[in-house]
Amino acid sequence: MTTFSATEARANFQSLISRAEYKGERMIIQRHGKPVVAIIGLEDLKKLEAMDDAIDSAKLRHAVEQNDGFTTLEEITAARSMHE
């Protein structure tokens, strides 16, 4: 994965967008030498969101399985936050 300083990224923003969009490159942007953000293509973002949704769905299924009766969204959310 290629890393750029924030200054380099700002100066070459259009090029970085093209690299992510057309070549599928993933890039890290650093500020003061520390990684702070990433530039990825839309397809990568969709994959990440799908994985996140799958994880959330699995946690929801687990919470429902652990309950013997009616469950409210608030109860599931509270139980989930206790385990994080």
Foldseek 3Di string as FASTA:
>chain_A
DAEEEPVVCVVCVVVLQCCQAPVQDKYFYDYPPHTDDIDHYPVVVVVVVVVVVVVVVVLQVVLVVVDPDDDDPVNSVVVVVVVD
